[in-house]
Amino acid sequence: MMNDAELVQNIIAEQDTLKKEQKVRVLKEYISHLLNHDFEKLVNILYRIDVEEKKLKTVLQGHPHQDAAAIIVQLMIDRQQQKFVFKNQSQTESDIPEDEKW
């Protein structure tokens, strides 16, 4: 059974079924629900996805009149994209022949 963080990560990673706007809308509704009804679960998800607490606080404080759920969703998507890029870079580096590595 998938935990909440894995569910959110799968929604972000899904490329075929959901368009970006649909993903954002679904995630925003879910995050908004968690903000209002289960903040502890939201904190756990953010921890598992590895959204920096300091960055989250800074962005939220810098945009006090914007929808907090939308900001959080964007930070989650950004973090997942960073992980994807890093993973691809690591795989590319592993394709280098041993005699050419430093």
PDB file of N, CA and C in Angstrom:
ATOM      1  N   MET A   1       0.835  -1.180   0.000  1.00  0.00           N
ATOM      2  CA  MET A   1       0.000   0.000   0.000  1.00  0.00           C
ATOM      3  C   MET A   1       0.885   1.250   0.000  1.00  0.00           C
ATOM      4  N   MET A   2       0.525   2.224  -0.806  1.00  0.00           N
ATOM      5  CA  MET A   2       1.304   3.436  -0.972  1.00  0.00           C
ATOM      6  C   MET A   2       1.020   4.424   0.163  1.00  0.00           C
ATOM      7  N   ASN A   3       2.078   5.055   0.683  1.00  0.00           N
ATOM      8  CA  ASN A   3       1.844   6.083   1.690  1.00  0.00           C
ATOM      9  C   ASN A   3       1.543   7.406   0.978  1.00  0.00           C
ATOM     10  N   ASP A   4       1.188   8.424   1.762  1.00  0.00           N
ATOM     11  CA  ASP A   4       0.772   9.699   1.184  1.00  0.00           C
ATOM     12  C   ASP A   4       1.872  10.369   0.374  1.00  0.00           C
ATOM     13  N   ALA A   5       3.099  10.325   0.858  1.00  0.00           N
ATOM     14  CA  ALA A   5       4.206  10.941   0.130  1.00  0.00           C
ATOM     15  C   ALA A   5       4.412  10.253  -1.214  1.00  0.00           C
ATOM     16  N   GLU A   6       4.328   8.936  -1.249  1.00  0.00           N
ATOM     17  CA  GLU A   6       4.486   8.201  -2.504  1.00  0.00           C
ATOM     18  C   GLU A   6       3.345   8.527  -3.465  1.00  0.00           C
ATOM     19  N   LEU A   7       2.149   8.680  -2.934  1.00  0.00           N
ATOM     20  CA  LEU A   7       1.004   9.041  -3.760  1.00  0.00           C
ATOM     21  C   LEU A   7       1.228  10.403  -4.413  1.00  0.00           C
ATOM     22  N   VAL A   8       1.660  11.367  -3.631  1.00  0.00           N
ATOM     23  CA  VAL A   8       1.933  12.708  -4.165  1.00  0.00           C
ATOM     24  C   VAL A   8       3.053  12.641  -5.203  1.00  0.00           C
ATOM     25  N   GLN A   9       4.114  11.906  -4.907  1.00  0.00           N
ATOM     26  CA  GLN A   9       5.218  11.779  -5.856  1.00  0.00           C
ATOM     27  C   GLN A   9       4.752  11.138  -7.158  1.00  0.00           C
ATOM     28  N   ASN A  10       3.882  10.151  -7.074  1.00  0.00           N
ATOM     29  CA  ASN A  10       3.375   9.493  -8.278  1.00  0.00           C
ATOM     30  C   ASN A  10       2.516  10.435  -9.111  1.00  0.00           C
ATOM     31  N   ILE A  11       1.715  11.263  -8.454  1.00  0.00           N
ATOM     32  CA  ILE A  11       0.902  12.231  -9.188  1.00  0.00           C
ATOM     33  C   ILE A  11       1.804  13.206  -9.922  1.00  0.00           C
ATOM     34  N   ILE A  12       2.852  13.676  -9.256  1.00  0.00           N
ATOM     35  CA  ILE A  12       3.780  14.612  -9.888  1.00  0.00           C
ATOM     36  C   ILE A  12       4.494  13.947 -11.064  1.00  0.00           C
ATOM     37  N   ALA A  13       4.900  12.710 -10.897  1.00  0.00           N
ATOM     38  CA  ALA A  13       5.664  12.006 -11.929  1.00  0.00           C
ATOM     39  C   ALA A  13       4.800  11.554 -13.107  1.00  0.00           C
ATOM     40  N   GLU A  14       3.499  11.410 -12.905  1.00  0.00           N
ATOM     41  CA  GLU A  14       2.597  10.930 -13.948  1.00  0.00           C
ATOM     42  C   GLU A  14       2.644  11.864 -15.147  1.00  0.00           C
ATOM     43  N   GLN A  15       2.922  11.314 -16.311  1.00  0.00           N
ATOM     44  CA  GLN A  15       3.048  12.141 -17.505  1.00  0.00           C
ATOM     45  C   GLN A  15       1.945  11.873 -18.524  1.00  0.00           C
ATOM     46  N   ASP A  16       1.388  10.703 -18.545  1.00  0.00           N
ATOM     47  CA  ASP A  16       0.452  10.348 -19.601  1.00  0.00           C
ATOM     48  C   ASP A  16      -0.987  10.740 -19.293  1.00  0.00           C
ATOM     49  N   THR A  17      -1.476  10.373 -18.125  1.00  0.00           N
ATOM     50  CA  THR A  17      -2.897  10.535 -17.855  1.00  0.00           C
ATOM     51  C   THR A  17      -3.309  11.937 -17.453  1.00  0.00           C
ATOM     52  N   LEU A  18      -2.489  12.591 -16.693  1.00  0.00           N
ATOM     53  CA  LEU A  18      -2.861  13.904 -16.202  1.00  0.00           C
ATOM     54  C   LEU A  18      -2.013  14.997 -16.848  1.00  0.00           C
ATOM     55  N   LYS A  19      -2.673  16.022 -17.295  1.00  0.00           N
ATOM     56  CA  LYS A  19      -1.951  17.187 -17.785  1.00  0.00           C
ATOM     57  C   LYS A  19      -1.444  17.968 -16.584  1.00  0.00           C
ATOM     58  N   LYS A  20      -0.478  18.818 -16.826  1.00  0.00           N
ATOM     59  CA  LYS A  20       0.139  19.578 -15.737  1.00  0.00           C
ATOM     60  C   LYS A  20      -0.911  20.351 -14.943  1.00  0.00           C
ATOM     61  N   GLU A  21      -1.830  21.003 -15.612  1.00  0.00           N
ATOM     62  CA  GLU A  21      -2.847  21.794 -14.918  1.00  0.00           C
ATOM     63  C   GLU A  21      -3.720  20.914 -14.031  1.00  0.00           C
ATOM     64  N   GLN A  22      -4.040  19.725 -14.512  1.00  0.00           N
ATOM     65  CA  GLN A  22      -4.853  18.798 -13.727  1.00  0.00           C
ATOM     66  C   GLN A  22      -4.085  18.324 -12.503  1.00  0.00           C
ATOM     67  N   LYS A  23      -2.799  18.032 -12.688  1.00  0.00           N
ATOM     68  CA  LYS A  23      -1.964  17.609 -11.562  1.00  0.00           C
ATOM     69  C   LYS A  23      -1.950  18.676 -10.489  1.00  0.00           C
ATOM     70  N   VAL A  24      -1.697  19.902 -10.919  1.00  0.00           N
ATOM     71  CA  VAL A  24      -1.610  21.005  -9.970  1.00  0.00           C
ATOM     72  C   VAL A  24      -2.936  21.180  -9.244  1.00  0.00           C
ATOM     73  N   ARG A  25      -4.042  21.096  -9.964  1.00  0.00           N
ATOM     74  CA  ARG A  25      -5.356  21.263  -9.343  1.00  0.00           C
ATOM     75  C   ARG A  25      -5.634  20.164  -8.304  1.00  0.00           C
ATOM     76  N   VAL A  26      -5.358  18.922  -8.682  1.00  0.00           N
ATOM     77  CA  VAL A  26      -5.580  17.795  -7.767  1.00  0.00           C
ATOM     78  C   VAL A  26      -4.698  17.926  -6.527  1.00  0.00           C
ATOM     79  N   LEU A  27      -3.425  18.219  -6.751  1.00  0.00           N
ATOM     80  CA  LEU A  27      -2.509  18.361  -5.619  1.00  0.00           C
ATOM     81  C   LEU A  27      -2.876  19.556  -4.745  1.00  0.00           C
ATOM     82  N   LYS A  28      -3.273  20.659  -5.361  1.00  0.00           N
ATOM     83  CA  LYS A  28      -3.638  21.853  -4.603  1.00  0.00           C
ATOM     84  C   LYS A  28      -4.841  21.578  -3.708  1.00  0.00           C
ATOM     85  N   GLU A  29      -5.831  20.877  -4.224  1.00  0.00           N
ATOM     86  CA  GLU A  29      -7.000  20.520  -3.414  1.00  0.00           C
ATOM     87  C   GLU A  29      -6.584  19.629  -2.239  1.00  0.00           C
ATOM     88  N   TYR A  30      -5.724  18.674  -2.507  1.00  0.00           N
ATOM     89  CA  TYR A  30      -5.273  17.747  -1.460  1.00  0.00           C
ATOM     90  C   TYR A  30      -4.464  18.478  -0.397  1.00  0.00           C
ATOM     91  N   ILE A  31      -3.528  19.323  -0.833  1.00  0.00           N
ATOM     92  CA  ILE A  31      -2.686  20.064   0.108  1.00  0.00           C
ATOM     93  C   ILE A  31      -3.528  21.044   0.912  1.00  0.00           C
ATOM     94  N   SER A  32      -4.481  21.681   0.270  1.00  0.00           N
ATOM     95  CA  SER A  32      -5.387  22.594   0.976  1.00  0.00           C
ATOM     96  C   SER A  32      -6.159  21.847   2.060  1.00  0.00           C
ATOM     97  N   HIS A  33      -6.628  20.656   1.721  1.00  0.00           N
ATOM     98  CA  HIS A  33      -7.335  19.822   2.709  1.00  0.00           C
ATOM     99  C   HIS A  33      -6.406  19.505   3.889  1.00  0.00           C
ATOM    100  N   LEU A  34      -5.171  19.119   3.581  1.00  0.00           N
ATOM    101  CA  LEU A  34      -4.229  18.787   4.655  1.00  0.00           C
ATOM    102  C   LEU A  34      -3.894  20.012   5.504  1.00  0.00           C
ATOM    103  N   LEU A  35      -3.765  21.175   4.881  1.00  0.00           N
ATOM    104  CA  LEU A  35      -3.494  22.405   5.640  1.00  0.00           C
ATOM    105  C   LEU A  35      -4.591  22.663   6.673  1.00  0.00           C
ATOM    106  N   ASN A  36      -5.813  22.373   6.293  1.00  0.00           N
ATOM    107  CA  ASN A  36      -6.953  22.662   7.163  1.00  0.00           C
ATOM    108  C   ASN A  36      -7.330  21.530   8.115  1.00  0.00           C
ATOM    109  N   HIS A  37      -6.987  20.291   7.750  1.00  0.00           N
ATOM    110  CA  HIS A  37      -7.501  19.161   8.522  1.00  0.00           C
ATOM    111  C   HIS A  37      -6.463  18.181   9.050  1.00  0.00           C
ATOM    112  N   ASP A  38      -5.274  18.144   8.468  1.00  0.00           N
ATOM    113  CA  ASP A  38      -4.270  17.174   8.920  1.00  0.00           C
ATOM    114  C   ASP A  38      -2.866  17.714   8.654  1.00  0.00           C
ATOM    115  N   PHE A  39      -2.521  18.777   9.367  1.00  0.00           N
ATOM    116  CA  PHE A  39      -1.245  19.456   9.153  1.00  0.00           C
ATOM    117  C   PHE A  39      -0.066  18.520   9.393  1.00  0.00           C
ATOM    118  N   GLU A  40      -0.186  17.629  10.363  1.00  0.00           N
ATOM    119  CA  GLU A  40       0.903  16.683  10.661  1.00  0.00           C
ATOM    120  C   GLU A  40       1.205  15.796   9.450  1.00  0.00           C
ATOM    121  N   LYS A  41       0.168  15.348   8.768  1.00  0.00           N
ATOM    122  CA  LYS A  41       0.359  14.521   7.573  1.00  0.00           C
ATOM    123  C   LYS A  41       1.053  15.342   6.481  1.00  0.00           C
ATOM    124  N   LEU A  42       0.671  16.607   6.333  1.00  0.00           N
ATOM    125  CA  LEU A  42       1.310  17.474   5.347  1.00  0.00           C
ATOM    126  C   LEU A  42       2.797  17.632   5.647  1.00  0.00           C
ATOM    127  N   VAL A  43       3.129  17.871   6.897  1.00  0.00           N
ATOM    128  CA  VAL A  43       4.532  18.007   7.287  1.00  0.00           C
ATOM    129  C   VAL A  43       5.295  16.728   6.970  1.00  0.00           C
ATOM    130  N   ASN A  44       4.695  15.591   7.226  1.00  0.00           N
ATOM    131  CA  ASN A  44       5.325  14.304   6.929  1.00  0.00           C
ATOM    132  C   ASN A  44       5.579  14.152   5.419  1.00  0.00           C
ATOM    133  N   ILE A  45       4.603  14.530   4.608  1.00  0.00           N
ATOM    134  CA  ILE A  45       4.759  14.442   3.157  1.00  0.00           C
ATOM    135  C   ILE A  45       5.890  15.350   2.691  1.00  0.00           C
ATOM    136  N   LEU A  46       5.909  16.572   3.195  1.00  0.00           N
ATOM    137  CA  LEU A  46       6.963  17.518   2.798  1.00  0.00           C
ATOM    138  C   LEU A  46       8.337  16.996   3.203  1.00  0.00           C
ATOM    139  N   TYR A  47       8.405  16.373   4.360  1.00  0.00           N
ATOM    140  CA  TYR A  47       9.666  15.779   4.819  1.00  0.00           C
ATOM    141  C   TYR A  47      10.095  14.645   3.888  1.00  0.00           C
ATOM    142  N   ARG A  48       9.152  13.772   3.539  1.00  0.00           N
ATOM    143  CA  ARG A  48       9.464  12.617   2.688  1.00  0.00           C
ATOM    144  C   ARG A  48       9.859  13.037   1.278  1.00  0.00           C
ATOM    145  N   ILE A  49       9.235  14.102   0.784  1.00  0.00           N
ATOM    146  CA  ILE A  49       9.574  14.593  -0.552  1.00  0.00           C
ATOM    147  C   ILE A  49      10.857  15.411  -0.500  1.00  0.00           C
ATOM    148  N   ASP A  50      11.227  15.858   0.683  1.00  0.00           N
ATOM    149  CA  ASP A  50      12.469  16.598   0.912  1.00  0.00           C
ATOM    150  C   ASP A  50      12.361  18.057   0.482  1.00  0.00           C
ATOM    151  N   VAL A  51      11.217  18.681   0.796  1.00  0.00           N
ATOM    152  CA  VAL A  51      11.070  20.119   0.592  1.00  0.00           C
ATOM    153  C   VAL A  51      11.698  20.791   1.806  1.00  0.00           C
ATOM    154  N   GLU A  52      12.645  21.695   1.556  1.00  0.00           N
ATOM    155  CA  GLU A  52      13.358  22.347   2.650  1.00  0.00           C
ATOM    156  C   GLU A  52      12.417  23.226   3.463  1.00  0.00           C
ATOM    157  N   GLU A  53      12.413  23.016   4.770  1.00  0.00           N
ATOM    158  CA  GLU A  53      11.548  23.785   5.657  1.00  0.00           C
ATOM    159  C   GLU A  53      11.873  25.276   5.584  1.00  0.00           C
ATOM    160  N   LYS A  54      13.154  25.601   5.581  1.00  0.00           N
ATOM    161  CA  LYS A  54      13.582  27.003   5.539  1.00  0.00           C
ATOM    162  C   LYS A  54      13.094  27.683   4.256  1.00  0.00           C
ATOM    163  N   LYS A  55      13.240  26.991   3.131  1.00  0.00           N
ATOM    164  CA  LYS A  55      12.796  27.540   1.856  1.00  0.00           C
ATOM    165  C   LYS A  55      11.279  27.725   1.849  1.00  0.00           C
ATOM    166  N   LEU A  56      10.561  26.741   2.369  1.00  0.00           N
ATOM    167  CA  LEU A  56       9.102  26.817   2.442  1.00  0.00           C
ATOM    168  C   LEU A  56       8.669  28.039   3.249  1.00  0.00           C
ATOM    169  N   LYS A  57       9.258  28.216   4.426  1.00  0.00           N
ATOM    170  CA  LYS A  57       8.902  29.358   5.276  1.00  0.00           C
ATOM    171  C   LYS A  57       9.210  30.678   4.575  1.00  0.00           C
ATOM    172  N   THR A  58      10.363  30.756   3.940  1.00  0.00           N
ATOM    173  CA  THR A  58      10.769  31.989   3.252  1.00  0.00           C
ATOM    174  C   THR A  58       9.789  32.336   2.130  1.00  0.00           C
ATOM    175  N   VAL A  59       9.444  31.348   1.327  1.00  0.00           N
ATOM    176  CA  VAL A  59       8.537  31.589   0.202  1.00  0.00           C
ATOM    177  C   VAL A  59       7.143  31.964   0.710  1.00  0.00           C
ATOM    178  N   LEU A  60       6.654  31.262   1.714  1.00  0.00           N
ATOM    179  CA  LEU A  60       5.324  31.576   2.256  1.00  0.00           C
ATOM    180  C   LEU A  60       5.289  32.974   2.869  1.00  0.00           C
ATOM    181  N   GLN A  61       6.328  33.340   3.593  1.00  0.00           N
ATOM    182  CA  GLN A  61       6.380  34.670   4.201  1.00  0.00           C
ATOM    183  C   GLN A  61       6.518  35.763   3.140  1.00  0.00           C
ATOM    184  N   GLY A  62       7.197  35.457   2.058  1.00  0.00           N
ATOM    185  CA  GLY A  62       7.388  36.428   0.991  1.00  0.00           C
ATOM    186  C   GLY A  62       6.153  36.634   0.126  1.00  0.00           C
ATOM    187  N   HIS A  63       5.182  35.756   0.244  1.00  0.00           N
ATOM    188  CA  HIS A  63       3.950  35.831  -0.547  1.00  0.00           C
ATOM    189  C   HIS A  63       2.735  35.610   0.364  1.00  0.00           C
ATOM    190  N   PRO A  64       2.519  36.511   1.329  1.00  0.00           N
ATOM    191  CA  PRO A  64       1.468  36.286   2.329  1.00  0.00           C
ATOM    192  C   PRO A  64       0.041  36.301   1.780  1.00  0.00           C
ATOM    193  N   HIS A  65      -0.164  36.896   0.615  1.00  0.00           N
ATOM    194  CA  HIS A  65      -1.529  36.994   0.089  1.00  0.00           C
ATOM    195  C   HIS A  65      -1.821  35.969  -0.999  1.00  0.00           C
ATOM    196  N   GLN A  66      -0.861  35.086  -1.256  1.00  0.00           N
ATOM    197  CA  GLN A  66      -1.074  34.039  -2.251  1.00  0.00           C
ATOM    198  C   GLN A  66      -1.560  32.763  -1.565  1.00  0.00           C
ATOM    199  N   ASP A  67      -2.162  31.892  -2.338  1.00  0.00           N
ATOM    200  CA  ASP A  67      -2.685  30.621  -1.848  1.00  0.00           C
ATOM    201  C   ASP A  67      -1.520  29.738  -1.377  1.00  0.00           C
ATOM    202  N   ALA A  68      -1.490  29.442  -0.087  1.00  0.00           N
ATOM    203  CA  ALA A  68      -0.399  28.644   0.489  1.00  0.00           C
ATOM    204  C   ALA A  68      -0.339  27.263  -0.152  1.00  0.00           C
ATOM    205  N   ALA A  69      -1.487  26.665  -0.437  1.00  0.00           N
ATOM    206  CA  ALA A  69      -1.497  25.337  -1.056  1.00  0.00           C
ATOM    207  C   ALA A  69      -0.833  25.373  -2.429  1.00  0.00           C
ATOM    208  N   ALA A  70      -1.095  26.415  -3.206  1.00  0.00           N
ATOM    209  CA  ALA A  70      -0.494  26.538  -4.532  1.00  0.00           C
ATOM    210  C   ALA A  70       1.027  26.689  -4.422  1.00  0.00           C
ATOM    211  N   ILE A  71       1.475  27.460  -3.445  1.00  0.00           N
ATOM    212  CA  ILE A  71       2.910  27.643  -3.237  1.00  0.00           C
ATOM    213  C   ILE A  71       3.558  26.321  -2.853  1.00  0.00           C
ATOM    214  N   ILE A  72       2.938  25.600  -1.938  1.00  0.00           N
ATOM    215  CA  ILE A  72       3.480  24.317  -1.480  1.00  0.00           C
ATOM    216  C   ILE A  72       3.546  23.319  -2.627  1.00  0.00           C
ATOM    217  N   VAL A  73       2.501  23.259  -3.428  1.00  0.00           N
ATOM    218  CA  VAL A  73       2.486  22.342  -4.576  1.00  0.00           C
ATOM    219  C   VAL A  73       3.624  22.678  -5.534  1.00  0.00           C
ATOM    220  N   GLN A  74       3.836  23.957  -5.802  1.00  0.00           N
ATOM    221  CA  GLN A  74       4.911  24.335  -6.719  1.00  0.00           C
ATOM    222  C   GLN A  74       6.273  23.939  -6.160  1.00  0.00           C
ATOM    223  N   LEU A  75       6.477  24.114  -4.857  1.00  0.00           N
ATOM    224  CA  LEU A  75       7.741  23.703  -4.239  1.00  0.00           C
ATOM    225  C   LEU A  75       7.922  22.184  -4.318  1.00  0.00           C
ATOM    226  N   MET A  76       6.835  21.443  -4.147  1.00  0.00           N
ATOM    227  CA  MET A  76       6.908  19.981  -4.247  1.00  0.00           C
ATOM    228  C   MET A  76       7.277  19.557  -5.665  1.00  0.00           C
ATOM    229  N   ILE A  77       6.643  20.179  -6.646  1.00  0.00           N
ATOM    230  CA  ILE A  77       6.933  19.851  -8.043  1.00  0.00           C
ATOM    231  C   ILE A  77       8.375  20.205  -8.373  1.00  0.00           C
ATOM    232  N   ASP A  78       8.804  21.385  -7.934  1.00  0.00           N
ATOM    233  CA  ASP A  78      10.189  21.798  -8.187  1.00  0.00           C
ATOM    234  C   ASP A  78      11.178  20.802  -7.593  1.00  0.00           C
ATOM    235  N   ARG A  79      10.910  20.344  -6.369  1.00  0.00           N
ATOM    236  CA  ARG A  79      11.824  19.397  -5.714  1.00  0.00           C
ATOM    237  C   ARG A  79      11.858  18.067  -6.451  1.00  0.00           C
ATOM    238  N   GLN A  80      10.713  17.585  -6.887  1.00  0.00           N
ATOM    239  CA  GLN A  80      10.673  16.322  -7.628  1.00  0.00           C
ATOM    240  C   GLN A  80      11.432  16.451  -8.942  1.00  0.00           C
ATOM    241  N   GLN A  81      11.317  17.599  -9.605  1.00  0.00           N
ATOM    242  CA  GLN A  81      12.037  17.813 -10.847  1.00  0.00           C
ATOM    243  C   GLN A  81      13.544  17.855 -10.596  1.00  0.00           C
ATOM    244  N   GLN A  82      13.961  18.486  -9.500  1.00  0.00           N
ATOM    245  CA  GLN A  82      15.376  18.513  -9.144  1.00  0.00           C
ATOM    246  C   GLN A  82      15.906  17.098  -8.949  1.00  0.00           C
ATOM    247  N   LYS A  83      15.136  16.265  -8.250  1.00  0.00           N
ATOM    248  CA  LYS A  83      15.566  14.880  -8.025  1.00  0.00           C
ATOM    249  C   LYS A  83      15.679  14.125  -9.347  1.00  0.00           C
ATOM    250  N   PHE A  84      14.727  14.360 -10.243  1.00  0.00           N
ATOM    251  CA  PHE A  84      14.732  13.699 -11.547  1.00  0.00           C
ATOM    252  C   PHE A  84      15.987  14.083 -12.332  1.00  0.00           C
ATOM    253  N   VAL A  85      16.305  15.377 -12.361  1.00  0.00           N
ATOM    254  CA  VAL A  85      17.488  15.854 -13.079  1.00  0.00           C
ATOM    255  C   VAL A  85      18.746  15.256 -12.465  1.00  0.00           C
ATOM    256  N   PHE A  86      18.831  15.262 -11.143  1.00  0.00           N
ATOM    257  CA  PHE A  86      20.000  14.713 -10.465  1.00  0.00           C
ATOM    258  C   PHE A  86      20.159  13.224 -10.764  1.00  0.00           C
ATOM    259  N   LYS A  87      19.053  12.503 -10.739  1.00  0.00           N
ATOM    260  CA  LYS A  87      19.104  11.065 -11.025  1.00  0.00           C
ATOM    261  C   LYS A  87      19.588  10.812 -12.447  1.00  0.00           C
ATOM    262  N   ASN A  88      19.097  11.601 -13.394  1.00  0.00           N
ATOM    263  CA  ASN A  88      19.530  11.439 -14.786  1.00  0.00           C
ATOM    264  C   ASN A  88      20.992  11.801 -14.965  1.00  0.00           C
ATOM    265  N   GLN A  89      21.459  12.824 -14.259  1.00  0.00           N
ATOM    266  CA  GLN A  89      22.867  13.184 -14.328  1.00  0.00           C
ATOM    267  C   GLN A  89      23.730  12.070 -13.765  1.00  0.00           C
ATOM    268  N   SER A  90      23.293  11.482 -12.672  1.00  0.00           N
ATOM    269  CA  SER A  90      24.041  10.386 -12.053  1.00  0.00           C
ATOM    270  C   SER A  90      24.118   9.191 -12.987  1.00  0.00           C
ATOM    271  N   GLN A  91      23.025   8.886 -13.671  1.00  0.00           N
ATOM    272  CA  GLN A  91      23.025   7.766 -14.604  1.00  0.00           C
ATOM    273  C   GLN A  91      23.929   8.051 -15.793  1.00  0.00           C
ATOM    274  N   THR A  92      23.938   9.281 -16.266  1.00  0.00           N
ATOM    275  CA  THR A  92      24.803   9.656 -17.387  1.00  0.00           C
ATOM    276  C   THR A  92      26.257   9.510 -16.986  1.00  0.00           C
ATOM    277  N   GLU A  93      26.578   9.943 -15.779  1.00  0.00           N
ATOM    278  CA  GLU A  93      27.949   9.821 -15.297  1.00  0.00           C
ATOM    279  C   GLU A  93      28.355   8.365 -15.155  1.00  0.00           C
ATOM    280  N   SER A  94      27.426   7.495 -14.823  1.00  0.00           N
ATOM    281  CA  SER A  94      27.767   6.086 -14.671  1.00  0.00           C
ATOM    282  C   SER A  94      27.981   5.408 -16.018  1.00  0.00           C
ATOM    283  N   ASP A  95      27.569   6.075 -17.103  1.00  0.00           N
ATOM    284  CA  ASP A  95      27.783   5.538 -18.444  1.00  0.00           C
ATOM    285  C   ASP A  95      29.205   5.792 -18.950  1.00  0.00           C
ATOM    286  N   ILE A  96      29.974   6.568 -18.207  1.00  0.00           N
ATOM    287  CA  ILE A  96      31.348   6.872 -18.592  1.00  0.00           C
ATOM    288  C   ILE A  96      32.206   5.626 -18.357  1.00  0.00           C
ATOM    289  N   PRO A  97      32.993   5.246 -19.334  1.00  0.00           N
ATOM    290  CA  PRO A  97      33.867   4.078 -19.148  1.00  0.00           C
ATOM    291  C   PRO A  97      34.805   4.287 -17.948  1.00  0.00           C
ATOM    292  N   GLU A  98      35.116   3.218 -17.265  1.00  0.00           N
ATOM    293  CA  GLU A  98      35.944   3.285 -16.062  1.00  0.00           C
ATOM    294  C   GLU A  98      37.287   3.964 -16.304  1.00  0.00           C
ATOM    295  N   ASP A  99      37.911   3.699 -17.429  1.00  0.00           N
ATOM    296  CA  ASP A  99      39.237   4.270 -17.697  1.00  0.00           C
ATOM    297  C   ASP A  99      39.184   5.775 -17.984  1.00  0.00           C
ATOM    298  N   GLU A 100      37.970   6.330 -18.200  1.00  0.00           N
ATOM    299  CA  GLU A 100      37.850   7.757 -18.453  1.00  0.00           C
ATOM    300  C   GLU A 100      37.343   8.508 -17.231  1.00  0.00           C
ATOM    301  N   LYS A 101      36.998   7.805 -16.160  1.00  0.00           N
ATOM    302  CA  LYS A 101      36.539   8.471 -14.943  1.00  0.00           C
ATOM    303  C   LYS A 101      37.717   9.004 -14.153  1.00  0.00           C
ATOM    304  N   TRP A 102      37.489  10.021 -13.392  1.00  0.00           N
ATOM    305  CA  TRP A 102      38.553  10.606 -12.570  1.00  0.00           C
ATOM    306  C   TRP A 102      38.744   9.819 -11.324  1.00  0.00           C
TER     307      TRP A 102
END
